[in-house]
Amino acid sequence: LTLGDHAFDQKDMLQFIEKEQRIIRPLNFAKGAPGRGYRLFNAPGGRKVLVVQVLGQVFMKRAFDDPFGAVEAVLKSHPRGGLAQAVIVDMHCEATSEKMAMGHFCNGRASLVVGTHTHVPTADAQILSEGTGYLTDAGMCGDYNSVIGMDKAEPMRRFLTGMPKARFTPANGEATLSGVFVETDDRTGAAKQIRMVRNGGLLQEAAP
């Protein structure tokens, strides 16, 4: 489970993240933040999967450390097809250009670079020249009859009047599970195929 720029909005996460090893917070968050920005997970058959998350810098509300330098250090110490049979990089940011740049930066060194944060799935799933699967944004898991997952009333009021009246509340209609499926080569860690995943709710179904 990767987090994002709202990683510690809920104070309970400050304690929970130290206990739950499956949660990954952004690698380039504040250096003193609890938790870890990457982790090597055990998979069936003795295989290992490295998961890394970084925050982008373009159009984000606050400045974060350089995501490219942060990823570089981890990829050097966890080579694809060596220490890790698969390497997944979650690029959590606003700008499509920054996500694409990270995909090419990790080409040949990651099995998958997938963007998150914008809540809307993109249609550009592909395998880059050196075997790295890439998708600009996997989209949200939630109700798409909404404004990026929130009940429509308050966001629309703010756009129309420029003034808040209430808190945002999650839309509670049928959710769509959005994501991406990647098959990798156990020897090299390269992506062999990549497919978008969408199940339930309003969006058109997509399955591997």
N, C-alpha and C. Protein backbone atom coordinates (compact mmCIF):
# COMPACT_ATOMS: atom_id res chain seq x y z
N LEU A 1 0.85 -1.18 0.00
CA LEU A 1 0.00 0.00 0.00
C LEU A 1 0.89 1.24 0.00
N THR A 2 0.83 2.00 -1.09
CA THR A 2 1.60 3.24 -1.16
C THR A 2 0.70 4.42 -0.78
N LEU A 3 1.28 5.46 -0.23
CA LEU A 3 0.52 6.58 0.29
C LEU A 3 0.54 7.75 -0.70
N GLY A 4 1.24 8.83 -0.40
CA GLY A 4 1.26 9.99 -1.28
C GLY A 4 1.46 11.26 -0.49
N ASP A 5 1.08 12.39 -1.10
CA ASP A 5 1.31 13.67 -0.43
C ASP A 5 0.41 13.87 0.78
N HIS A 6 -0.65 13.08 0.91
CA HIS A 6 -1.52 13.16 2.09
C HIS A 6 -1.20 12.06 3.10
N ALA A 7 0.01 11.55 3.03
CA ALA A 7 0.40 10.38 3.84
C ALA A 7 0.07 10.52 5.31
N PHE A 8 0.32 11.70 5.87
CA PHE A 8 0.17 11.86 7.31
C PHE A 8 -0.91 12.88 7.68
N ASP A 9 -1.89 13.06 6.79
CA ASP A 9 -3.01 13.94 7.12
C ASP A 9 -3.79 13.42 8.32
N GLN A 10 -3.88 12.09 8.43
CA GLN A 10 -4.52 11.48 9.59
C GLN A 10 -3.44 11.11 10.59
N LYS A 11 -3.50 11.66 11.78
CA LYS A 11 -2.42 11.49 12.76
C LYS A 11 -2.23 10.03 13.18
N ASP A 12 -3.27 9.21 13.07
CA ASP A 12 -3.15 7.80 13.43
C ASP A 12 -2.08 7.10 12.59
N MET A 13 -1.87 7.59 11.37
CA MET A 13 -0.89 6.95 10.49
C MET A 13 0.53 7.07 11.05
N LEU A 14 0.80 8.10 11.83
CA LEU A 14 2.15 8.30 12.38
C LEU A 14 2.60 7.09 13.19
N GLN A 15 1.70 6.48 13.92
CA GLN A 15 2.05 5.31 14.71
C GLN A 15 1.85 4.02 13.92
N PHE A 16 0.78 3.98 13.12
CA PHE A 16 0.44 2.75 12.42
C PHE A 16 1.49 2.36 11.39
N ILE A 17 2.09 3.34 10.73
CA ILE A 17 3.03 3.04 9.65
C ILE A 17 4.28 2.33 10.15
N GLU A 18 4.64 2.55 11.41
CA GLU A 18 5.80 1.87 11.97
C GLU A 18 5.51 0.41 12.28
N LYS A 19 4.24 0.08 12.46
CA LYS A 19 3.86 -1.30 12.79
C LYS A 19 3.53 -2.13 11.56
N GLU A 20 3.02 -1.49 10.52
CA GLU A 20 2.56 -2.20 9.33
C GLU A 20 3.61 -2.11 8.22
N GLN A 21 4.31 -3.23 7.99
CA GLN A 21 5.43 -3.25 7.05
C GLN A 21 4.99 -3.11 5.60
N ARG A 22 3.72 -3.33 5.31
CA ARG A 22 3.26 -3.29 3.91
C ARG A 22 2.95 -1.87 3.43
N ILE A 23 3.03 -0.89 4.31
CA ILE A 23 2.74 0.49 3.92
C ILE A 23 4.03 1.21 3.53
N ILE A 24 4.00 1.85 2.37
CA ILE A 24 5.16 2.60 1.87
C ILE A 24 4.78 4.07 1.78
N ARG A 25 5.55 4.94 2.43
CA ARG A 25 5.33 6.38 2.30
C ARG A 25 6.32 6.93 1.27
N PRO A 26 6.11 8.13 0.78
CA PRO A 26 7.01 8.68 -0.24
C PRO A 26 8.47 8.73 0.24
N LEU A 27 9.36 8.26 -0.62
CA LEU A 27 10.78 8.20 -0.30
C LEU A 27 11.38 9.58 -0.07
N ASN A 28 10.93 10.57 -0.84
CA ASN A 28 11.51 11.91 -0.75
C ASN A 28 10.68 12.86 0.11
N PHE A 29 9.91 12.29 1.04
CA PHE A 29 9.21 13.07 2.06
C PHE A 29 10.27 13.60 3.04
N ALA A 30 9.86 14.30 4.05
CA ALA A 30 10.81 14.80 5.05
C ALA A 30 11.65 13.67 5.61
N LYS A 31 12.95 13.92 5.77
CA LYS A 31 13.88 12.86 6.18
C LYS A 31 13.53 12.26 7.54
N GLY A 32 12.91 13.04 8.42
CA GLY A 32 12.58 12.52 9.73
C GLY A 32 11.21 11.85 9.80
N ALA A 33 10.53 11.72 8.67
CA ALA A 33 9.19 11.13 8.67
C ALA A 33 9.25 9.65 9.04
N PRO A 34 8.26 9.15 9.74
CA PRO A 34 8.24 7.73 10.08
C PRO A 34 7.99 6.87 8.84
N GLY A 35 8.28 5.59 8.98
CA GLY A 35 8.06 4.67 7.87
C GLY A 35 9.21 4.66 6.89
N ARG A 36 8.99 3.96 5.77
CA ARG A 36 10.02 3.82 4.74
C ARG A 36 9.46 4.14 3.37
N GLY A 37 10.33 4.63 2.49
CA GLY A 37 9.93 4.99 1.14
C GLY A 37 10.12 3.89 0.14
N TYR A 38 10.68 2.79 0.55
CA TYR A 38 10.80 1.61 -0.32
C TYR A 38 10.92 0.38 0.56
N ARG A 39 10.61 -0.76 -0.02
CA ARG A 39 10.75 -2.01 0.73
C ARG A 39 10.85 -3.17 -0.25
N LEU A 40 11.62 -4.17 0.14
CA LEU A 40 11.78 -5.39 -0.64
C LEU A 40 10.85 -6.44 -0.05
N PHE A 41 9.87 -6.88 -0.84
CA PHE A 41 8.87 -7.83 -0.37
C PHE A 41 9.15 -9.23 -0.91
N ASN A 42 8.84 -10.23 -0.11
CA ASN A 42 8.94 -11.62 -0.54
C ASN A 42 7.70 -12.01 -1.33
N ALA A 43 7.91 -12.67 -2.46
CA ALA A 43 6.82 -13.15 -3.31
C ALA A 43 6.91 -14.67 -3.40
N PRO A 44 5.85 -15.34 -3.86
CA PRO A 44 5.90 -16.81 -3.98
C PRO A 44 7.07 -17.28 -4.83
N GLY A 45 7.58 -18.46 -4.50
CA GLY A 45 8.68 -19.04 -5.26
C GLY A 45 10.04 -18.47 -4.94
N GLY A 46 10.15 -17.79 -3.80
CA GLY A 46 11.44 -17.22 -3.41
C GLY A 46 11.80 -15.94 -4.13
N ARG A 47 10.88 -15.40 -4.90
CA ARG A 47 11.17 -14.16 -5.63
C ARG A 47 11.00 -12.94 -4.72
N LYS A 48 11.62 -11.85 -5.11
CA LYS A 48 11.55 -10.61 -4.34
C LYS A 48 11.11 -9.46 -5.24
N VAL A 49 10.25 -8.62 -4.68
CA VAL A 49 9.70 -7.47 -5.41
C VAL A 49 10.04 -6.19 -4.65
N LEU A 50 10.70 -5.27 -5.31
CA LEU A 50 11.01 -3.96 -4.71
C LEU A 50 9.90 -2.97 -5.08
N VAL A 51 9.36 -2.29 -4.08
CA VAL A 51 8.35 -1.25 -4.31
C VAL A 51 8.90 0.07 -3.78
N VAL A 52 8.89 1.09 -4.64
CA VAL A 52 9.39 2.43 -4.29
C VAL A 52 8.30 3.45 -4.61
N GLN A 53 8.13 4.45 -3.76
CA GLN A 53 7.25 5.55 -4.10
C GLN A 53 7.97 6.88 -3.90
N VAL A 54 7.79 7.78 -4.87
CA VAL A 54 8.32 9.13 -4.74
C VAL A 54 7.24 10.15 -5.11
N LEU A 55 7.40 11.34 -4.58
CA LEU A 55 6.52 12.47 -4.90
C LEU A 55 7.17 13.36 -5.95
N GLY A 56 6.38 13.82 -6.90
CA GLY A 56 6.88 14.77 -7.87
C GLY A 56 6.99 16.17 -7.28
N GLN A 57 7.51 17.08 -8.09
CA GLN A 57 7.72 18.46 -7.64
C GLN A 57 6.85 19.47 -8.39
N VAL A 58 6.49 19.17 -9.63
CA VAL A 58 5.77 20.13 -10.47
C VAL A 58 4.31 20.26 -10.02
N PHE A 59 3.88 21.48 -9.76
CA PHE A 59 2.49 21.81 -9.38
C PHE A 59 2.07 21.25 -8.02
N MET A 60 2.98 20.72 -7.25
CA MET A 60 2.62 20.21 -5.93
C MET A 60 2.59 21.38 -4.95
N LYS A 61 1.82 21.23 -3.87
CA LYS A 61 1.60 22.34 -2.93
C LYS A 61 2.83 22.69 -2.12
N ARG A 62 3.72 21.74 -1.92
CA ARG A 62 4.93 22.03 -1.16
C ARG A 62 6.12 21.41 -1.88
N ALA A 63 7.29 21.90 -1.57
CA ALA A 63 8.50 21.40 -2.23
C ALA A 63 8.98 20.11 -1.56
N PHE A 64 9.25 19.12 -2.37
CA PHE A 64 9.81 17.87 -1.89
C PHE A 64 11.21 17.70 -2.47
N ASP A 65 11.99 16.81 -1.87
CA ASP A 65 13.33 16.54 -2.38
C ASP A 65 13.25 15.97 -3.79
N ASP A 66 14.35 16.06 -4.52
CA ASP A 66 14.45 15.59 -5.90
C ASP A 66 14.04 14.12 -6.00
N PRO A 67 12.95 13.79 -6.72
CA PRO A 67 12.53 12.40 -6.81
C PRO A 67 13.47 11.54 -7.65
N PHE A 68 14.11 12.14 -8.64
CA PHE A 68 14.99 11.37 -9.52
C PHE A 68 16.24 10.90 -8.77
N GLY A 69 16.83 11.79 -7.99
CA GLY A 69 17.98 11.40 -7.19
C GLY A 69 17.63 10.36 -6.15
N ALA A 70 16.43 10.49 -5.55
CA ALA A 70 16.00 9.53 -4.54
C ALA A 70 15.83 8.14 -5.14
N VAL A 71 15.19 8.07 -6.31
CA VAL A 71 15.00 6.78 -6.98
C VAL A 71 16.33 6.20 -7.43
N GLU A 72 17.20 7.04 -7.94
CA GLU A 72 18.51 6.58 -8.43
C GLU A 72 19.26 5.79 -7.37
N ALA A 73 19.29 6.29 -6.15
CA ALA A 73 20.03 5.62 -5.08
C ALA A 73 19.46 4.24 -4.78
N VAL A 74 18.14 4.12 -4.78
CA VAL A 74 17.51 2.83 -4.48
C VAL A 74 17.71 1.84 -5.62
N LEU A 75 17.57 2.29 -6.86
CA LEU A 75 17.74 1.39 -8.00
C LEU A 75 19.17 0.87 -8.10
N LYS A 76 20.13 1.70 -7.75
CA LYS A 76 21.53 1.26 -7.79
C LYS A 76 21.79 0.13 -6.80
N SER A 77 21.15 0.20 -5.64
CA SER A 77 21.38 -0.82 -4.62
C SER A 77 20.46 -2.03 -4.75
N HIS A 78 19.47 -1.95 -5.65
CA HIS A 78 18.53 -3.05 -5.86
C HIS A 78 18.35 -3.28 -7.36
N PRO A 79 19.36 -3.81 -8.04
CA PRO A 79 19.28 -3.96 -9.49
C PRO A 79 18.16 -4.91 -9.92
N ARG A 80 17.47 -4.51 -10.97
CA ARG A 80 16.40 -5.34 -11.54
C ARG A 80 16.99 -6.63 -12.10
N GLY A 81 16.40 -7.77 -11.73
CA GLY A 81 16.91 -9.06 -12.17
C GLY A 81 18.04 -9.56 -11.31
N GLY A 82 18.45 -8.78 -10.31
CA GLY A 82 19.51 -9.18 -9.39
C GLY A 82 18.93 -9.40 -8.01
N LEU A 83 19.08 -8.40 -7.16
CA LEU A 83 18.53 -8.49 -5.81
C LEU A 83 17.00 -8.56 -5.84
N ALA A 84 16.40 -7.93 -6.83
CA ALA A 84 14.93 -7.95 -6.96
C ALA A 84 14.54 -8.52 -8.32
N GLN A 85 13.61 -9.47 -8.31
CA GLN A 85 13.13 -10.04 -9.57
C GLN A 85 12.16 -9.09 -10.28
N ALA A 86 11.57 -8.18 -9.53
CA ALA A 86 10.70 -7.16 -10.11
C ALA A 86 10.87 -5.87 -9.32
N VAL A 87 10.83 -4.74 -10.02
CA VAL A 87 10.99 -3.42 -9.39
C VAL A 87 9.82 -2.54 -9.83
N ILE A 88 9.07 -2.04 -8.85
CA ILE A 88 7.91 -1.18 -9.13
C ILE A 88 8.17 0.21 -8.55
N VAL A 89 8.03 1.22 -9.40
CA VAL A 89 8.18 2.62 -8.97
C VAL A 89 6.84 3.32 -9.12
N ASP A 90 6.31 3.82 -8.01
CA ASP A 90 5.07 4.59 -7.99
C ASP A 90 5.45 6.07 -7.98
N MET A 91 5.14 6.77 -9.07
CA MET A 91 5.44 8.19 -9.19
C MET A 91 4.17 8.99 -8.90
N HIS A 92 4.11 9.58 -7.71
CA HIS A 92 2.90 10.25 -7.24
C HIS A 92 3.03 11.75 -7.48
N CYS A 93 2.40 12.25 -8.54
CA CYS A 93 2.56 13.67 -8.86
C CYS A 93 1.47 14.16 -9.80
N GLU A 94 1.43 15.47 -10.00
CA GLU A 94 0.43 16.11 -10.84
C GLU A 94 0.77 16.04 -12.33
N ALA A 95 2.01 16.37 -12.67
CA ALA A 95 2.37 16.64 -14.06
C ALA A 95 2.63 15.38 -14.86
N THR A 96 1.92 15.25 -15.98
CA THR A 96 2.14 14.13 -16.90
C THR A 96 3.59 14.10 -17.37
N SER A 97 4.15 15.26 -17.65
CA SER A 97 5.53 15.32 -18.15
C SER A 97 6.51 14.75 -17.15
N GLU A 98 6.31 15.05 -15.87
CA GLU A 98 7.22 14.56 -14.83
C GLU A 98 7.11 13.05 -14.69
N LYS A 99 5.90 12.52 -14.81
CA LYS A 99 5.71 11.07 -14.75
C LYS A 99 6.40 10.40 -15.94
N MET A 100 6.21 10.95 -17.13
CA MET A 100 6.85 10.37 -18.32
C MET A 100 8.36 10.42 -18.20
N ALA A 101 8.88 11.53 -17.69
CA ALA A 101 10.33 11.64 -17.51
C ALA A 101 10.84 10.56 -16.56
N MET A 102 10.10 10.28 -15.49
CA MET A 102 10.51 9.23 -14.56
C MET A 102 10.47 7.87 -15.23
N GLY A 103 9.49 7.63 -16.09
CA GLY A 103 9.45 6.37 -16.82
C GLY A 103 10.70 6.16 -17.65
N HIS A 104 11.10 7.18 -18.39
CA HIS A 104 12.31 7.05 -19.22
C HIS A 104 13.58 7.00 -18.37
N PHE A 105 13.58 7.70 -17.25
CA PHE A 105 14.72 7.68 -16.33
C PHE A 105 14.95 6.27 -15.78
N CYS A 106 13.86 5.55 -15.53
CA CYS A 106 13.94 4.20 -14.95
C CYS A 106 13.95 3.11 -16.01
N ASN A 107 13.88 3.47 -17.29
CA ASN A 107 13.81 2.48 -18.36
C ASN A 107 15.02 1.55 -18.32
N GLY A 108 14.75 0.26 -18.26
CA GLY A 108 15.81 -0.74 -18.16
C GLY A 108 16.21 -1.07 -16.74
N ARG A 109 15.70 -0.30 -15.78
CA ARG A 109 16.07 -0.53 -14.37
C ARG A 109 14.86 -0.85 -13.49
N ALA A 110 13.67 -0.53 -13.96
CA ALA A 110 12.44 -0.87 -13.24
C ALA A 110 11.59 -1.79 -14.12
N SER A 111 10.78 -2.60 -13.47
CA SER A 111 9.84 -3.44 -14.21
C SER A 111 8.59 -2.65 -14.58
N LEU A 112 8.22 -1.71 -13.71
CA LEU A 112 7.03 -0.89 -13.92
C LEU A 112 7.23 0.47 -13.28
N VAL A 113 6.90 1.51 -14.02
CA VAL A 113 6.74 2.86 -13.47
C VAL A 113 5.28 3.24 -13.69
N VAL A 114 4.57 3.48 -12.60
CA VAL A 114 3.15 3.81 -12.70
C VAL A 114 2.88 5.11 -11.95
N GLY A 115 2.13 5.99 -12.59
CA GLY A 115 1.77 7.25 -11.96
C GLY A 115 0.51 7.12 -11.13
N THR A 116 0.46 7.92 -10.06
CA THR A 116 -0.73 8.02 -9.23
C THR A 116 -0.93 9.50 -8.89
N HIS A 117 -2.04 9.81 -8.23
CA HIS A 117 -2.35 11.13 -7.68
C HIS A 117 -3.51 11.83 -8.37
N THR A 118 -3.66 11.75 -9.70
CA THR A 118 -4.68 12.55 -10.37
C THR A 118 -6.06 11.93 -10.32
N HIS A 119 -6.18 10.68 -9.90
CA HIS A 119 -7.45 9.99 -9.71
C HIS A 119 -8.10 9.51 -11.00
N VAL A 120 -7.55 9.84 -12.16
CA VAL A 120 -8.17 9.50 -13.44
C VAL A 120 -7.23 8.61 -14.25
N PRO A 121 -7.68 7.40 -14.66
CA PRO A 121 -6.79 6.50 -15.40
C PRO A 121 -6.48 7.02 -16.80
N THR A 122 -5.26 6.85 -17.22
CA THR A 122 -4.85 7.22 -18.57
C THR A 122 -4.82 5.98 -19.46
N ALA A 123 -4.74 6.19 -20.77
CA ALA A 123 -4.86 5.09 -21.73
C ALA A 123 -3.55 4.83 -22.46
N ASP A 124 -2.41 5.04 -21.77
CA ASP A 124 -1.12 4.95 -22.45
C ASP A 124 -0.24 3.81 -21.93
N ALA A 125 -0.84 2.73 -21.44
CA ALA A 125 -0.05 1.60 -20.96
C ALA A 125 0.85 1.10 -22.09
N GLN A 126 2.14 0.93 -21.80
CA GLN A 126 3.11 0.54 -22.82
C GLN A 126 4.34 -0.06 -22.17
N ILE A 127 5.15 -0.73 -22.98
CA ILE A 127 6.45 -1.22 -22.52
C ILE A 127 7.53 -0.40 -23.23
N LEU A 128 8.36 0.27 -22.45
CA LEU A 128 9.41 1.11 -23.01
C LEU A 128 10.53 0.27 -23.61
N SER A 129 11.46 0.92 -24.28
CA SER A 129 12.46 0.23 -25.11
C SER A 129 13.33 -0.76 -24.37
N GLU A 130 13.57 -0.54 -23.07
CA GLU A 130 14.45 -1.42 -22.30
C GLU A 130 13.67 -2.30 -21.32
N GLY A 131 12.38 -2.52 -21.62
CA GLY A 131 11.62 -3.49 -20.84
C GLY A 131 10.96 -2.97 -19.58
N THR A 132 10.73 -1.68 -19.50
CA THR A 132 10.02 -1.11 -18.35
C THR A 132 8.58 -0.82 -18.74
N GLY A 133 7.63 -1.44 -18.01
CA GLY A 133 6.23 -1.12 -18.22
C GLY A 133 5.94 0.28 -17.70
N TYR A 134 5.03 0.97 -18.38
CA TYR A 134 4.75 2.36 -18.01
C TYR A 134 3.27 2.67 -18.18
N LEU A 135 2.71 3.41 -17.20
CA LEU A 135 1.36 3.95 -17.29
C LEU A 135 1.36 5.29 -16.57
N THR A 136 0.88 6.33 -17.23
CA THR A 136 0.94 7.67 -16.64
C THR A 136 0.12 7.78 -15.37
N ASP A 137 -1.08 7.20 -15.34
CA ASP A 137 -1.85 7.19 -14.09
C ASP A 137 -2.79 5.99 -14.06
N ALA A 138 -2.75 5.28 -12.95
CA ALA A 138 -3.58 4.08 -12.78
C ALA A 138 -5.02 4.43 -12.44
N GLY A 139 -5.28 5.66 -12.03
CA GLY A 139 -6.63 6.05 -11.65
C GLY A 139 -6.95 5.68 -10.21
N MET A 140 -8.10 6.13 -9.75
CA MET A 140 -8.50 5.87 -8.37
C MET A 140 -9.36 4.63 -8.27
N CYS A 141 -9.44 4.08 -7.09
CA CYS A 141 -10.44 3.07 -6.76
C CYS A 141 -11.54 3.80 -6.01
N GLY A 142 -12.65 4.03 -6.67
CA GLY A 142 -13.71 4.81 -6.05
C GLY A 142 -14.86 5.03 -7.02
N ASP A 143 -15.80 5.87 -6.62
CA ASP A 143 -16.99 6.18 -7.40
C ASP A 143 -16.66 7.28 -8.41
N TYR A 144 -16.77 6.97 -9.70
CA TYR A 144 -16.45 7.95 -10.74
C TYR A 144 -17.62 8.89 -11.04
N ASN A 145 -18.79 8.66 -10.44
CA ASN A 145 -19.89 9.63 -10.52
C ASN A 145 -19.66 10.65 -9.40
N SER A 146 -18.63 11.45 -9.58
CA SER A 146 -18.10 12.28 -8.49
C SER A 146 -17.17 13.33 -9.07
N VAL A 147 -16.55 14.10 -8.21
CA VAL A 147 -15.44 14.96 -8.60
C VAL A 147 -14.20 14.37 -7.94
N ILE A 148 -13.43 13.65 -8.71
CA ILE A 148 -12.27 12.84 -8.27
C ILE A 148 -12.51 12.12 -6.94
N GLY A 149 -13.66 11.45 -6.88
CA GLY A 149 -13.96 10.61 -5.72
C GLY A 149 -14.79 11.26 -4.64
N MET A 150 -14.96 12.57 -4.71
CA MET A 150 -15.73 13.28 -3.69
C MET A 150 -17.17 13.53 -4.18
N ASP A 151 -18.11 13.55 -3.24
CA ASP A 151 -19.48 13.93 -3.57
C ASP A 151 -19.46 15.27 -4.32
N LYS A 152 -20.26 15.38 -5.38
CA LYS A 152 -20.14 16.50 -6.31
C LYS A 152 -20.54 17.85 -5.74
N ALA A 153 -21.42 17.88 -4.75
CA ALA A 153 -22.03 19.14 -4.32
C ALA A 153 -21.01 20.17 -3.84
N GLU A 154 -20.14 19.80 -2.92
CA GLU A 154 -19.21 20.79 -2.35
C GLU A 154 -18.14 21.24 -3.34
N PRO A 155 -17.51 20.33 -4.11
CA PRO A 155 -16.55 20.81 -5.11
C PRO A 155 -17.19 21.77 -6.12
N MET A 156 -18.41 21.45 -6.58
CA MET A 156 -19.06 22.32 -7.56
C MET A 156 -19.41 23.67 -6.94
N ARG A 157 -19.83 23.68 -5.68
CA ARG A 157 -20.11 24.94 -4.99
C ARG A 157 -18.86 25.81 -4.94
N ARG A 158 -17.74 25.20 -4.64
CA ARG A 158 -16.49 25.98 -4.54
C ARG A 158 -16.06 26.53 -5.89
N PHE A 159 -16.25 25.73 -6.95
CA PHE A 159 -15.90 26.23 -8.28
C PHE A 159 -16.81 27.39 -8.70
N LEU A 160 -18.08 27.30 -8.34
CA LEU A 160 -19.04 28.31 -8.77
C LEU A 160 -19.00 29.59 -7.94
N THR A 161 -18.71 29.46 -6.65
CA THR A 161 -18.75 30.62 -5.76
C THR A 161 -17.38 31.08 -5.27
N GLY A 162 -16.40 30.19 -5.38
CA GLY A 162 -15.07 30.51 -4.86
C GLY A 162 -14.98 30.43 -3.36
N MET A 163 -16.01 29.88 -2.72
CA MET A 163 -16.03 29.83 -1.26
C MET A 163 -16.40 28.44 -0.76
N PRO A 164 -15.71 27.96 0.27
CA PRO A 164 -16.07 26.67 0.87
C PRO A 164 -17.26 26.83 1.80
N LYS A 165 -18.05 25.76 1.91
CA LYS A 165 -19.16 25.77 2.85
C LYS A 165 -19.10 24.58 3.79
N ALA A 166 -18.60 23.46 3.28
CA ALA A 166 -18.56 22.23 4.08
C ALA A 166 -17.31 21.44 3.71
N ARG A 167 -17.08 20.39 4.45
CA ARG A 167 -15.96 19.49 4.14
C ARG A 167 -16.29 18.65 2.92
N PHE A 168 -15.26 18.24 2.21
CA PHE A 168 -15.46 17.26 1.15
C PHE A 168 -15.83 15.92 1.79
N THR A 169 -16.77 15.22 1.17
CA THR A 169 -17.14 13.88 1.64
C THR A 169 -17.04 12.91 0.48
N PRO A 170 -16.58 11.68 0.71
CA PRO A 170 -16.44 10.72 -0.37
C PRO A 170 -17.79 10.38 -1.01
N ALA A 171 -17.80 10.26 -2.33
CA ALA A 171 -18.99 9.77 -3.03
C ALA A 171 -19.20 8.31 -2.65
N ASN A 172 -20.44 7.91 -2.49
CA ASN A 172 -20.70 6.56 -1.98
C ASN A 172 -21.44 5.66 -2.95
N GLY A 173 -21.34 5.96 -4.26
CA GLY A 173 -21.91 5.08 -5.26
C GLY A 173 -21.02 3.88 -5.52
N GLU A 174 -21.41 3.06 -6.51
CA GLU A 174 -20.62 1.87 -6.82
C GLU A 174 -19.22 2.26 -7.28
N ALA A 175 -18.24 1.63 -6.71
CA ALA A 175 -16.84 1.98 -6.99
C ALA A 175 -16.31 1.21 -8.19
N THR A 176 -15.31 1.79 -8.82
CA THR A 176 -14.53 1.11 -9.85
C THR A 176 -13.16 0.79 -9.29
N LEU A 177 -12.75 -0.45 -9.43
CA LEU A 177 -11.38 -0.84 -9.09
C LEU A 177 -10.51 -0.52 -10.30
N SER A 178 -9.55 0.37 -10.13
CA SER A 178 -8.66 0.77 -11.23
C SER A 178 -7.23 0.38 -10.89
N GLY A 179 -6.50 -0.08 -11.88
CA GLY A 179 -5.11 -0.46 -11.64
C GLY A 179 -4.42 -0.89 -12.91
N VAL A 180 -3.35 -1.64 -12.75
CA VAL A 180 -2.57 -2.09 -13.89
C VAL A 180 -2.01 -3.48 -13.59
N PHE A 181 -1.98 -4.32 -14.60
CA PHE A 181 -1.43 -5.67 -14.50
C PHE A 181 -0.16 -5.74 -15.33
N VAL A 182 0.90 -6.26 -14.75
CA VAL A 182 2.17 -6.40 -15.46
C VAL A 182 2.71 -7.81 -15.26
N GLU A 183 3.09 -8.47 -16.33
CA GLU A 183 3.79 -9.75 -16.25
C GLU A 183 5.27 -9.48 -16.50
N THR A 184 6.13 -10.02 -15.64
CA THR A 184 7.56 -9.77 -15.75
C THR A 184 8.34 -11.05 -15.98
N ASP A 185 9.53 -10.90 -16.49
CA ASP A 185 10.46 -12.01 -16.68
C ASP A 185 11.24 -12.20 -15.38
N ASP A 186 11.17 -13.40 -14.79
CA ASP A 186 11.83 -13.64 -13.50
C ASP A 186 13.34 -13.49 -13.58
N ARG A 187 13.92 -13.75 -14.73
CA ARG A 187 15.38 -13.70 -14.86
C ARG A 187 15.89 -12.27 -15.00
N THR A 188 15.21 -11.46 -15.83
CA THR A 188 15.70 -10.11 -16.12
C THR A 188 14.91 -9.02 -15.40
N GLY A 189 13.70 -9.34 -14.96
CA GLY A 189 12.84 -8.33 -14.35
C GLY A 189 12.14 -7.44 -15.35
N ALA A 190 12.34 -7.69 -16.64
CA ALA A 190 11.71 -6.86 -17.67
C ALA A 190 10.22 -7.17 -17.78
N ALA A 191 9.45 -6.18 -18.15
CA ALA A 191 8.02 -6.38 -18.37
C ALA A 191 7.80 -7.14 -19.68
N LYS A 192 6.95 -8.15 -19.62
CA LYS A 192 6.60 -8.93 -20.81
C LYS A 192 5.27 -8.49 -21.40
N GLN A 193 4.35 -8.09 -20.53
CA GLN A 193 3.09 -7.52 -20.99
C GLN A 193 2.53 -6.59 -19.92
N ILE A 194 1.75 -5.63 -20.36
CA ILE A 194 1.11 -4.68 -19.44
C ILE A 194 -0.32 -4.46 -19.90
N ARG A 195 -1.24 -4.48 -18.96
CA ARG A 195 -2.65 -4.30 -19.27
C ARG A 195 -3.30 -3.43 -18.19
N MET A 196 -4.18 -2.56 -18.59
CA MET A 196 -4.95 -1.78 -17.63
C MET A 196 -6.02 -2.67 -17.00
N VAL A 197 -6.39 -2.35 -15.77
CA VAL A 197 -7.42 -3.09 -15.05
C VAL A 197 -8.49 -2.11 -14.59
N ARG A 198 -9.74 -2.39 -14.96
CA ARG A 198 -10.89 -1.62 -14.47
C ARG A 198 -12.03 -2.59 -14.25
N ASN A 199 -12.62 -2.56 -13.06
CA ASN A 199 -13.69 -3.50 -12.74
C ASN A 199 -14.76 -2.81 -11.89
N GLY A 200 -16.01 -2.93 -12.33
CA GLY A 200 -17.13 -2.38 -11.57
C GLY A 200 -17.35 -0.90 -11.82
N GLY A 201 -18.48 -0.40 -11.33
CA GLY A 201 -18.75 1.02 -11.43
C GLY A 201 -19.04 1.49 -12.84
N LEU A 202 -18.74 2.75 -13.13
CA LEU A 202 -19.15 3.39 -14.37
C LEU A 202 -18.18 3.21 -15.53
N LEU A 203 -16.91 2.99 -15.26
CA LEU A 203 -15.93 2.95 -16.35
C LEU A 203 -16.02 1.64 -17.12
N GLN A 204 -15.59 1.71 -18.38
CA GLN A 204 -15.59 0.52 -19.22
C GLN A 204 -14.66 -0.53 -18.63
N GLU A 205 -15.11 -1.78 -18.62
CA GLU A 205 -14.32 -2.87 -18.05
C GLU A 205 -13.03 -3.07 -18.83
N ALA A 206 -11.98 -3.40 -18.11
CA ALA A 206 -10.70 -3.76 -18.73
C ALA A 206 -10.06 -4.82 -17.85
N ALA A 207 -9.58 -5.90 -18.47
CA ALA A 207 -9.00 -7.00 -17.71
C ALA A 207 -7.80 -7.56 -18.46
N PRO A 208 -6.84 -8.15 -17.74
CA PRO A 208 -5.67 -8.77 -18.39
C PRO A 208 -6.09 -9.87 -19.35
